PDB file of N, CA and C in Angstrom:
ATOM      1  N   UNK A   1      80.007 -21.752   9.154  1.00  0.00           N
ATOM      2  CA  UNK A   1      80.806 -20.659   8.631  1.00  0.00           C
ATOM      3  C   UNK A   1      81.993 -20.420   9.542  1.00  0.00           C
ATOM      4  N   UNK A   2      83.042 -19.939   8.945  1.00  0.00           N
ATOM      5  CA  UNK A   2      84.254 -19.642   9.711  1.00  0.00           C
ATOM      6  C   UNK A   2      84.669 -18.204   9.445  1.00  0.00           C
ATOM      7  N   UNK A   3      85.380 -17.618  10.357  1.00  0.00           N
ATOM      8  CA  UNK A   3      85.904 -16.259  10.178  1.00  0.00           C
ATOM      9  C   UNK A   3      87.323 -16.354   9.634  1.00  0.00           C
ATOM     10  N   UNK A   4      87.627 -15.552   8.593  1.00  0.00           N
ATOM     11  CA  UNK A   4      89.006 -15.519   8.107  1.00  0.00           C
ATOM     12  C   UNK A   4      89.760 -14.412   8.828  1.00  0.00           C
ATOM     13  N   UNK A   5      91.017 -14.201   8.406  1.00  0.00           N
ATOM     14  CA  UNK A   5      91.877 -13.223   9.085  1.00  0.00           C
ATOM     15  C   UNK A   5      91.272 -11.825   9.102  1.00  0.00           C
ATOM     16  N   UNK A   6      90.555 -11.467   8.043  1.00  0.00           N
ATOM     17  CA  UNK A   6      90.002 -10.118   7.944  1.00  0.00           C
ATOM     18  C   UNK A   6      88.700  -9.971   8.729  1.00  0.00           C
ATOM     19  N   UNK A   7      88.195 -11.076   9.279  1.00  0.00           N
ATOM     20  CA  UNK A   7      86.990 -11.020  10.083  1.00  0.00           C
ATOM     21  C   UNK A   7      85.703 -11.221   9.305  1.00  0.00           C
ATOM     22  N   UNK A   8      85.791 -11.425   7.990  1.00  0.00           N
ATOM     23  CA  UNK A   8      84.572 -11.641   7.215  1.00  0.00           C
ATOM     24  C   UNK A   8      84.160 -13.112   7.295  1.00  0.00           C
ATOM     25  N   UNK A   9      82.873 -13.355   7.079  1.00  0.00           N
ATOM     26  CA  UNK A   9      82.384 -14.732   7.102  1.00  0.00           C
ATOM     27  C   UNK A   9      82.947 -15.488   5.904  1.00  0.00           C
ATOM     28  N   UNK A  10      83.331 -16.723   6.143  1.00  0.00           N
ATOM     29  CA  UNK A  10      83.850 -17.599   5.086  1.00  0.00           C
ATOM     30  C   UNK A  10      83.041 -18.875   5.143  1.00  0.00           C
ATOM     31  N   UNK A  11      82.605 -19.340   4.010  1.00  0.00           N
ATOM     32  CA  UNK A  11      81.791 -20.543   3.923  1.00  0.00           C
ATOM     33  C   UNK A  11      82.584 -21.586   3.165  1.00  0.00           C
ATOM     34  N   UNK A  12      82.965 -22.666   3.820  1.00  0.00           N
ATOM     35  CA  UNK A  12      83.730 -23.731   3.174  1.00  0.00           C
ATOM     36  C   UNK A  12      82.780 -24.840   2.734  1.00  0.00           C
ATOM     37  N   UNK A  13      82.850 -25.186   1.453  1.00  0.00           N
ATOM     38  CA  UNK A  13      82.015 -26.245   0.899  1.00  0.00           C
ATOM     39  C   UNK A  13      82.932 -27.346   0.386  1.00  0.00           C
ATOM     40  N   UNK A  14      82.693 -28.575   0.811  1.00  0.00           N
ATOM     41  CA  UNK A  14      83.484 -29.707   0.363  1.00  0.00           C
ATOM     42  C   UNK A  14      82.543 -30.890   0.142  1.00  0.00           C
ATOM     43  N   UNK A  15      82.676 -31.533  -1.005  1.00  0.00           N
ATOM     44  CA  UNK A  15      81.868 -32.714  -1.331  1.00  0.00           C
ATOM     45  C   UNK A  15      80.370 -32.454  -1.191  1.00  0.00           C
ATOM     46  N   UNK A  16      79.903 -31.316  -1.697  1.00  0.00           N
ATOM     47  CA  UNK A  16      78.486 -30.973  -1.612  1.00  0.00           C
ATOM     48  C   UNK A  16      77.901 -30.893  -3.015  1.00  0.00           C
ATOM     49  N   UNK A  17      76.713 -31.429  -3.196  1.00  0.00           N
ATOM     50  CA  UNK A  17      76.015 -31.384  -4.480  1.00  0.00           C
ATOM     51  C   UNK A  17      75.107 -30.161  -4.497  1.00  0.00           C
ATOM     52  N   UNK A  18      75.459 -29.162  -5.300  1.00  0.00           N
ATOM     53  CA  UNK A  18      74.665 -27.942  -5.402  1.00  0.00           C
ATOM     54  C   UNK A  18      73.970 -27.836  -6.763  1.00  0.00           C
ATOM     55  N   UNK A  19      73.773 -28.989  -7.451  1.00  0.00           N
ATOM     56  CA  UNK A  19      73.133 -28.994  -8.768  1.00  0.00           C
ATOM     57  C   UNK A  19      71.800 -28.283  -8.711  1.00  0.00           C
ATOM     58  N   UNK A  20      71.551 -27.436  -9.702  1.00  0.00           N
ATOM     59  CA  UNK A  20      70.291 -26.723  -9.800  1.00  0.00           C
ATOM     60  C   UNK A  20      70.182 -25.505  -8.892  1.00  0.00           C
ATOM     61  N   UNK A  21      71.201 -25.217  -8.117  1.00  0.00           N
ATOM     62  CA  UNK A  21      71.169 -24.051  -7.226  1.00  0.00           C
ATOM     63  C   UNK A  21      71.238 -22.764  -8.026  1.00  0.00           C
ATOM     64  N   UNK A  22      70.751 -21.691  -7.431  1.00  0.00           N
ATOM     65  CA  UNK A  22      70.827 -20.378  -8.056  1.00  0.00           C
ATOM     66  C   UNK A  22      71.547 -19.427  -7.116  1.00  0.00           C
ATOM     67  N   UNK A  23      72.459 -18.643  -7.682  1.00  0.00           N
ATOM     68  CA  UNK A  23      73.200 -17.651  -6.918  1.00  0.00           C
ATOM     69  C   UNK A  23      72.952 -16.300  -7.569  1.00  0.00           C
ATOM     70  N   UNK A  24      72.550 -15.319  -6.804  1.00  0.00           N
ATOM     71  CA  UNK A  24      72.289 -13.990  -7.324  1.00  0.00           C
ATOM     72  C   UNK A  24      72.901 -12.965  -6.382  1.00  0.00           C
ATOM     73  N   UNK A  25      73.607 -11.988  -6.966  1.00  0.00           N
ATOM     74  CA  UNK A  25      74.270 -10.942  -6.188  1.00  0.00           C
ATOM     75  C   UNK A  25      75.162 -11.539  -5.100  1.00  0.00           C
ATOM     76  N   UNK A  26      75.998 -12.507  -5.500  1.00  0.00           N
ATOM     77  CA  UNK A  26      76.912 -13.185  -4.583  1.00  0.00           C
ATOM     78  C   UNK A  26      78.337 -12.751  -4.897  1.00  0.00           C
ATOM     79  N   UNK A  27      79.112 -12.422  -3.876  1.00  0.00           N
ATOM     80  CA  UNK A  27      80.520 -12.042  -4.047  1.00  0.00           C
ATOM     81  C   UNK A  27      81.381 -13.266  -3.782  1.00  0.00           C
ATOM     82  N   UNK A  28      82.015 -13.787  -4.842  1.00  0.00           N
ATOM     83  CA  UNK A  28      82.902 -14.944  -4.717  1.00  0.00           C
ATOM     84  C   UNK A  28      84.361 -14.548  -4.936  1.00  0.00           C
ATOM     85  N   UNK A  29      84.685 -13.269  -4.731  1.00  0.00           N
ATOM     86  CA  UNK A  29      86.064 -12.800  -4.910  1.00  0.00           C
ATOM     87  C   UNK A  29      87.006 -13.614  -4.044  1.00  0.00           C
ATOM     88  N   UNK A  30      88.116 -14.038  -4.632  1.00  0.00           N
ATOM     89  CA  UNK A  30      89.129 -14.779  -3.880  1.00  0.00           C
ATOM     90  C   UNK A  30      88.768 -16.227  -3.611  1.00  0.00           C
ATOM     91  N   UNK A  31      87.659 -16.699  -4.169  1.00  0.00           N
ATOM     92  CA  UNK A  31      87.231 -18.080  -3.960  1.00  0.00           C
ATOM     93  C   UNK A  31      88.045 -19.021  -4.833  1.00  0.00           C
ATOM     94  N   UNK A  32      88.382 -20.191  -4.316  1.00  0.00           N
ATOM     95  CA  UNK A  32      89.118 -21.201  -5.071  1.00  0.00           C
ATOM     96  C   UNK A  32      88.196 -22.364  -5.399  1.00  0.00           C
ATOM     97  N   UNK A  33      88.194 -22.766  -6.666  1.00  0.00           N
ATOM     98  CA  UNK A  33      87.434 -23.922  -7.114  1.00  0.00           C
ATOM     99  C   UNK A  33      88.438 -24.970  -7.578  1.00  0.00           C
ATOM    100  N   UNK A  34      88.442 -26.132  -6.952  1.00  0.00           N
ATOM    101  CA  UNK A  34      89.352 -27.213  -7.314  1.00  0.00           C
ATOM    102  C   UNK A  34      88.552 -28.489  -7.519  1.00  0.00           C
ATOM    103  N   UNK A  35      88.833 -29.202  -8.604  1.00  0.00           N
ATOM    104  CA  UNK A  35      88.143 -30.457  -8.904  1.00  0.00           C
ATOM    105  C   UNK A  35      86.629 -30.248  -8.825  1.00  0.00           C
ATOM    106  N   UNK A  36      86.149 -29.210  -9.518  1.00  0.00           N
ATOM    107  CA  UNK A  36      84.750 -28.797  -9.460  1.00  0.00           C
ATOM    108  C   UNK A  36      84.108 -28.921 -10.834  1.00  0.00           C
ATOM    109  N   UNK A  37      82.875 -29.400 -10.885  1.00  0.00           N
ATOM    110  CA  UNK A  37      82.136 -29.547 -12.135  1.00  0.00           C
ATOM    111  C   UNK A  37      81.110 -28.428 -12.233  1.00  0.00           C
ATOM    112  N   UNK A  38      81.170 -27.650 -13.337  1.00  0.00           N
ATOM    113  CA  UNK A  38      80.170 -26.611 -13.573  1.00  0.00           C
ATOM    114  C   UNK A  38      79.540 -26.802 -14.955  1.00  0.00           C
ATOM    115  N   UNK A  39      79.513 -28.051 -15.439  1.00  0.00           N
ATOM    116  CA  UNK A  39      78.927 -28.369 -16.730  1.00  0.00           C
ATOM    117  C   UNK A  39      77.491 -27.875 -16.791  1.00  0.00           C
ATOM    118  N   UNK A  40      77.147 -27.160 -17.856  1.00  0.00           N
ATOM    119  CA  UNK A  40      75.796 -26.665 -18.044  1.00  0.00           C
ATOM    120  C   UNK A  40      75.463 -25.427 -17.227  1.00  0.00           C
ATOM    121  N   UNK A  41      76.431 -24.910 -16.469  1.00  0.00           N
ATOM    122  CA  UNK A  41      76.187 -23.699 -15.673  1.00  0.00           C
ATOM    123  C   UNK A  41      76.045 -22.506 -16.605  1.00  0.00           C
ATOM    124  N   UNK A  42      75.326 -21.510 -16.161  1.00  0.00           N
ATOM    125  CA  UNK A  42      75.123 -20.297 -16.934  1.00  0.00           C
ATOM    126  C   UNK A  42      75.607 -19.112 -16.121  1.00  0.00           C
ATOM    127  N   UNK A  43      76.414 -18.267 -16.738  1.00  0.00           N
ATOM    128  CA  UNK A  43      76.928 -17.071 -16.089  1.00  0.00           C
ATOM    129  C   UNK A  43      76.430 -15.862 -16.867  1.00  0.00           C
ATOM    130  N   UNK A  44      75.714 -14.965 -16.210  1.00  0.00           N
ATOM    131  CA  UNK A  44      75.149 -13.797 -16.871  1.00  0.00           C
ATOM    132  C   UNK A  44      75.428 -12.568 -16.017  1.00  0.00           C
ATOM    133  N   UNK A  45      75.912 -11.497 -16.652  1.00  0.00           N
ATOM    134  CA  UNK A  45      76.238 -10.253 -15.953  1.00  0.00           C
ATOM    135  C   UNK A  45      77.219 -10.521 -14.815  1.00  0.00           C
ATOM    136  N   UNK A  46      78.347 -11.161 -15.161  1.00  0.00           N
ATOM    137  CA  UNK A  46      79.354 -11.586 -14.184  1.00  0.00           C
ATOM    138  C   UNK A  46      80.657 -10.828 -14.405  1.00  0.00           C
ATOM    139  N   UNK A  47      81.254 -10.336 -13.343  1.00  0.00           N
ATOM    140  CA  UNK A  47      82.578  -9.728 -13.415  1.00  0.00           C
ATOM    141  C   UNK A  47      83.592 -10.814 -13.072  1.00  0.00           C
ATOM    142  N   UNK A  48      84.280 -11.317 -14.088  1.00  0.00           N
ATOM    143  CA  UNK A  48      85.273 -12.368 -13.888  1.00  0.00           C
ATOM    144  C   UNK A  48      86.668 -11.846 -14.221  1.00  0.00           C
ATOM    145  N   UNK A  49      86.892 -10.542 -13.996  1.00  0.00           N
ATOM    146  CA  UNK A  49      88.211  -9.976 -14.276  1.00  0.00           C
ATOM    147  C   UNK A  49      89.239 -10.591 -13.329  1.00  0.00           C
ATOM    148  N   UNK A  50      90.425 -10.787 -13.847  1.00  0.00           N
ATOM    149  CA  UNK A  50      91.559 -11.328 -13.099  1.00  0.00           C
ATOM    150  C   UNK A  50      91.330 -12.741 -12.564  1.00  0.00           C
ATOM    151  N   UNK A  51      90.412 -13.492 -13.205  1.00  0.00           N
ATOM    152  CA  UNK A  51      90.189 -14.889 -12.839  1.00  0.00           C
ATOM    153  C   UNK A  51      91.263 -15.728 -13.517  1.00  0.00           C
ATOM    154  N   UNK A  52      91.804 -16.695 -12.807  1.00  0.00           N
ATOM    155  CA  UNK A  52      92.816 -17.592 -13.376  1.00  0.00           C
ATOM    156  C   UNK A  52      92.182 -18.945 -13.662  1.00  0.00           C
ATOM    157  N   UNK A  53      92.296 -19.392 -14.906  1.00  0.00           N
ATOM    158  CA  UNK A  53      91.827 -20.715 -15.295  1.00  0.00           C
ATOM    159  C   UNK A  53      93.043 -21.570 -15.588  1.00  0.00           C
ATOM    160  N   UNK A  54      93.143 -22.704 -14.953  1.00  0.00           N
ATOM    161  CA  UNK A  54      94.264 -23.618 -15.185  1.00  0.00           C
ATOM    162  C   UNK A  54      93.721 -25.031 -15.264  1.00  0.00           C
ATOM    163  N   UNK A  55      94.119 -25.757 -16.302  1.00  0.00           N
ATOM    164  CA  UNK A  55      93.660 -27.123 -16.521  1.00  0.00           C
ATOM    165  C   UNK A  55      92.126 -27.177 -16.548  1.00  0.00           C
ATOM    166  N   UNK A  56      91.523 -26.329 -17.411  1.00  0.00           N
ATOM    167  CA  UNK A  56      90.070 -26.184 -17.493  1.00  0.00           C
ATOM    168  C   UNK A  56      89.593 -26.653 -18.862  1.00  0.00           C
ATOM    169  N   UNK A  57      88.508 -27.414 -18.892  1.00  0.00           N
ATOM    170  CA  UNK A  57      87.898 -27.868 -20.138  1.00  0.00           C
ATOM    171  C   UNK A  57      86.722 -26.949 -20.459  1.00  0.00           C
ATOM    172  N   UNK A  58      86.869 -26.131 -21.500  1.00  0.00           N
ATOM    173  CA  UNK A  58      85.807 -25.219 -21.929  1.00  0.00           C
ATOM    174  C   UNK A  58      85.222 -25.660 -23.269  1.00  0.00           C
ATOM    175  N   UNK A  59      85.467 -26.916 -23.680  1.00  0.00           N
ATOM    176  CA  UNK A  59      84.992 -27.376 -24.982  1.00  0.00           C
ATOM    177  C   UNK A  59      83.473 -27.296 -25.055  1.00  0.00           C
ATOM    178  N   UNK A  60      82.978 -26.840 -26.188  1.00  0.00           N
ATOM    179  CA  UNK A  60      81.543 -26.714 -26.405  1.00  0.00           C
ATOM    180  C   UNK A  60      80.926 -25.486 -25.758  1.00  0.00           C
ATOM    181  N   UNK A  61      81.716 -24.654 -25.081  1.00  0.00           N
ATOM    182  CA  UNK A  61      81.200 -23.455 -24.425  1.00  0.00           C
ATOM    183  C   UNK A  61      80.978 -22.346 -25.439  1.00  0.00           C
ATOM    184  N   UNK A  62      79.997 -21.489 -25.189  1.00  0.00           N
ATOM    185  CA  UNK A  62      79.720 -20.341 -26.062  1.00  0.00           C
ATOM    186  C   UNK A  62      79.926 -19.070 -25.289  1.00  0.00           C
ATOM    187  N   UNK A  63      80.682 -18.128 -25.867  1.00  0.00           N
ATOM    188  CA  UNK A  63      80.937 -16.832 -25.257  1.00  0.00           C
ATOM    189  C   UNK A  63      80.292 -15.775 -26.142  1.00  0.00           C
ATOM    190  N   UNK A  64      79.469 -14.906 -25.555  1.00  0.00           N
ATOM    191  CA  UNK A  64      78.780 -13.866 -26.301  1.00  0.00           C
ATOM    192  C   UNK A  64      78.877 -12.560 -25.511  1.00  0.00           C
ATOM    193  N   UNK A  65      79.196 -11.471 -26.202  1.00  0.00           N
ATOM    194  CA  UNK A  65      79.331 -10.156 -25.574  1.00  0.00           C
ATOM    195  C   UNK A  65      80.330 -10.220 -24.419  1.00  0.00           C
ATOM    196  N   UNK A  66      81.558 -10.675 -24.751  1.00  0.00           N
ATOM    197  CA  UNK A  66      82.607 -10.915 -23.759  1.00  0.00           C
ATOM    198  C   UNK A  66      83.763  -9.947 -23.978  1.00  0.00           C
ATOM    199  N   UNK A  67      84.268  -9.360 -22.903  1.00  0.00           N
ATOM    200  CA  UNK A  67      85.431  -8.485 -22.976  1.00  0.00           C
ATOM    201  C   UNK A  67      86.670  -9.328 -22.694  1.00  0.00           C
ATOM    202  N   UNK A  68      87.479  -9.553 -23.713  1.00  0.00           N
ATOM    203  CA  UNK A  68      88.699 -10.349 -23.567  1.00  0.00           C
ATOM    204  C   UNK A  68      89.953  -9.476 -23.631  1.00  0.00           C
ATOM    205  N   UNK A  69      89.819  -8.198 -23.307  1.00  0.00           N
ATOM    206  CA  UNK A  69      90.960  -7.288 -23.317  1.00  0.00           C
ATOM    207  C   UNK A  69      92.042  -7.796 -22.371  1.00  0.00           C
ATOM    208  N   UNK A  70      93.272  -7.803 -22.855  1.00  0.00           N
ATOM    209  CA  UNK A  70      94.456  -8.181 -22.078  1.00  0.00           C
ATOM    210  C   UNK A  70      94.421  -9.618 -21.546  1.00  0.00           C
ATOM    211  N   UNK A  71      93.601 -10.484 -22.181  1.00  0.00           N
ATOM    212  CA  UNK A  71      93.567 -11.898 -21.797  1.00  0.00           C
ATOM    213  C   UNK A  71      94.768 -12.595 -22.429  1.00  0.00           C
ATOM    214  N   UNK A  72      95.459 -13.411 -21.654  1.00  0.00           N
ATOM    215  CA  UNK A  72      96.589 -14.201 -22.162  1.00  0.00           C
ATOM    216  C   UNK A  72      96.182 -15.673 -22.184  1.00  0.00           C
ATOM    217  N   UNK A  73      96.306 -16.297 -23.346  1.00  0.00           N
ATOM    218  CA  UNK A  73      95.981 -17.716 -23.492  1.00  0.00           C
ATOM    219  C   UNK A  73      97.255 -18.433 -23.904  1.00  0.00           C
ATOM    220  N   UNK A  74      97.670 -19.414 -23.121  1.00  0.00           N
ATOM    221  CA  UNK A  74      98.874 -20.180 -23.432  1.00  0.00           C
ATOM    222  C   UNK A  74      98.569 -21.673 -23.363  1.00  0.00           C
ATOM    223  N   UNK A  75      99.301 -22.436 -24.129  1.00  0.00           N
ATOM    224  CA  UNK A  75      99.175 -23.902 -24.139  1.00  0.00           C
ATOM    225  C   UNK A  75      97.736 -24.362 -24.325  1.00  0.00           C
ATOM    226  N   UNK A  76      97.007 -23.719 -25.241  1.00  0.00           N
ATOM    227  CA  UNK A  76      95.597 -24.026 -25.449  1.00  0.00           C
ATOM    228  C   UNK A  76      95.389 -24.875 -26.701  1.00  0.00           C
ATOM    229  N   UNK A  77      94.471 -25.814 -26.621  1.00  0.00           N
ATOM    230  CA  UNK A  77      94.047 -26.582 -27.787  1.00  0.00           C
ATOM    231  C   UNK A  77      92.929 -25.785 -28.441  1.00  0.00           C
ATOM    232  N   UNK A  78      93.147 -25.286 -29.662  1.00  0.00           N
ATOM    233  CA  UNK A  78      92.226 -24.363 -30.316  1.00  0.00           C
ATOM    234  C   UNK A  78      91.454 -24.995 -31.470  1.00  0.00           C
ATOM    235  N   UNK A  79      91.479 -26.311 -31.591  1.00  0.00           N
ATOM    236  CA  UNK A  79      90.824 -27.003 -32.695  1.00  0.00           C
ATOM    237  C   UNK A  79      89.346 -26.649 -32.759  1.00  0.00           C
ATOM    238  N   UNK A  80      88.905 -26.083 -33.868  1.00  0.00           N
ATOM    239  CA  UNK A  80      87.509 -25.741 -34.064  1.00  0.00           C
ATOM    240  C   UNK A  80      87.066 -24.451 -33.403  1.00  0.00           C
ATOM    241  N   UNK A  81      87.958 -23.758 -32.671  1.00  0.00           N
ATOM    242  CA  UNK A  81      87.595 -22.506 -32.003  1.00  0.00           C
ATOM    243  C   UNK A  81      87.448 -21.399 -33.038  1.00  0.00           C
ATOM    244  N   UNK A  82      86.367 -20.618 -32.905  1.00  0.00           N
ATOM    245  CA  UNK A  82      86.136 -19.509 -33.819  1.00  0.00           C
ATOM    246  C   UNK A  82      85.998 -18.198 -33.055  1.00  0.00           C
ATOM    247  N   UNK A  83      86.357 -17.127 -33.716  1.00  0.00           N
ATOM    248  CA  UNK A  83      86.110 -15.769 -33.227  1.00  0.00           C
ATOM    249  C   UNK A  83      85.330 -15.073 -34.329  1.00  0.00           C
ATOM    250  N   UNK A  84      84.139 -14.617 -33.998  1.00  0.00           N
ATOM    251  CA  UNK A  84      83.250 -13.988 -34.985  1.00  0.00           C
ATOM    252  C   UNK A  84      83.098 -14.857 -36.229  1.00  0.00           C
ATOM    253  N   UNK A  85      83.003 -16.169 -36.031  1.00  0.00           N
ATOM    254  CA  UNK A  85      82.773 -17.108 -37.131  1.00  0.00           C
ATOM    255  C   UNK A  85      84.012 -17.527 -37.897  1.00  0.00           C
ATOM    256  N   UNK A  86      85.187 -16.993 -37.552  1.00  0.00           N
ATOM    257  CA  UNK A  86      86.428 -17.321 -38.255  1.00  0.00           C
ATOM    258  C   UNK A  86      87.251 -18.255 -37.384  1.00  0.00           C
ATOM    259  N   UNK A  87      87.725 -19.350 -37.983  1.00  0.00           N
ATOM    260  CA  UNK A  87      88.551 -20.296 -37.230  1.00  0.00           C
ATOM    261  C   UNK A  87      89.823 -19.615 -36.726  1.00  0.00           C
ATOM    262  N   UNK A  88      90.121 -19.782 -35.477  1.00  0.00           N
ATOM    263  CA  UNK A  88      91.321 -19.195 -34.880  1.00  0.00           C
ATOM    264  C   UNK A  88      92.568 -19.754 -35.553  1.00  0.00           C
ATOM    265  N   UNK A  89      92.544 -21.019 -35.915  1.00  0.00           N
ATOM    266  CA  UNK A  89      93.700 -21.614 -36.597  1.00  0.00           C
ATOM    267  C   UNK A  89      93.987 -20.880 -37.910  1.00  0.00           C
ATOM    268  N   UNK A  90      92.930 -20.461 -38.617  1.00  0.00           N
ATOM    269  CA  UNK A  90      93.114 -19.686 -39.857  1.00  0.00           C
ATOM    270  C   UNK A  90      93.661 -18.295 -39.552  1.00  0.00           C
ATOM    271  N   UNK A  91      93.162 -17.668 -38.479  1.00  0.00           N
ATOM    272  CA  UNK A  91      93.661 -16.343 -38.085  1.00  0.00           C
ATOM    273  C   UNK A  91      95.144 -16.409 -37.733  1.00  0.00           C
ATOM    274  N   UNK A  92      95.533 -17.428 -36.981  1.00  0.00           N
ATOM    275  CA  UNK A  92      96.939 -17.578 -36.597  1.00  0.00           C
ATOM    276  C   UNK A  92      97.828 -17.844 -37.801  1.00  0.00           C
ATOM    277  N   UNK A  93      97.320 -18.643 -38.735  1.00  0.00           N
ATOM    278  CA  UNK A  93      98.081 -18.940 -39.948  1.00  0.00           C
ATOM    279  C   UNK A  93      98.333 -17.656 -40.751  1.00  0.00           C
ATOM    280  N   UNK A  94      97.298 -16.837 -40.907  1.00  0.00           N
ATOM    281  CA  UNK A  94      97.433 -15.565 -41.636  1.00  0.00           C
ATOM    282  C   UNK A  94      98.420 -14.634 -40.909  1.00  0.00           C
ATOM    283  N   UNK A  95      98.317 -14.581 -39.581  1.00  0.00           N
ATOM    284  CA  UNK A  95      99.207 -13.719 -38.797  1.00  0.00           C
ATOM    285  C   UNK A  95     100.649 -14.155 -38.956  1.00  0.00           C
ATOM    286  N   UNK A  96     100.892 -15.471 -38.917  1.00  0.00           N
ATOM    287  CA  UNK A  96     102.258 -15.992 -39.059  1.00  0.00           C
ATOM    288  C   UNK A  96     102.835 -15.716 -40.449  1.00  0.00           C
ATOM    289  N   UNK A  97     101.950 -15.703 -41.464  1.00  0.00           N
ATOM    290  CA  UNK A  97     102.385 -15.431 -42.828  1.00  0.00           C
ATOM    291  C   UNK A  97     102.721 -13.953 -43.034  1.00  0.00           C
ATOM    292  N   UNK A  98     102.194 -13.092 -42.157  1.00  0.00           N
ATOM    293  CA  UNK A  98     102.464 -11.662 -42.225  1.00  0.00           C
ATOM    294  C   UNK A  98     101.560 -11.017 -43.173  1.00  0.00           C
TER     295      UNK A  98
END
């Protein structure tokens, strides 16, 4: 572990296989994930406000009971994406038609 500028413990992980690990009541605020695989991971009761996703593959993911208030999505491939069972492409088409 290393100390950062604020004096808190910092744990740097590089090239480590943590498959099957469990994390409970862990604070990962300000953590950076680069070139990381989380396929099949499960997130429950998680505060992910103000998280930035860039160049992320979320295909096949399921979101349930999610607060997406003030979320901005740009340059996204939305093929087959649904909201409450309705294709987003259909919603966008209706919105564009007015």
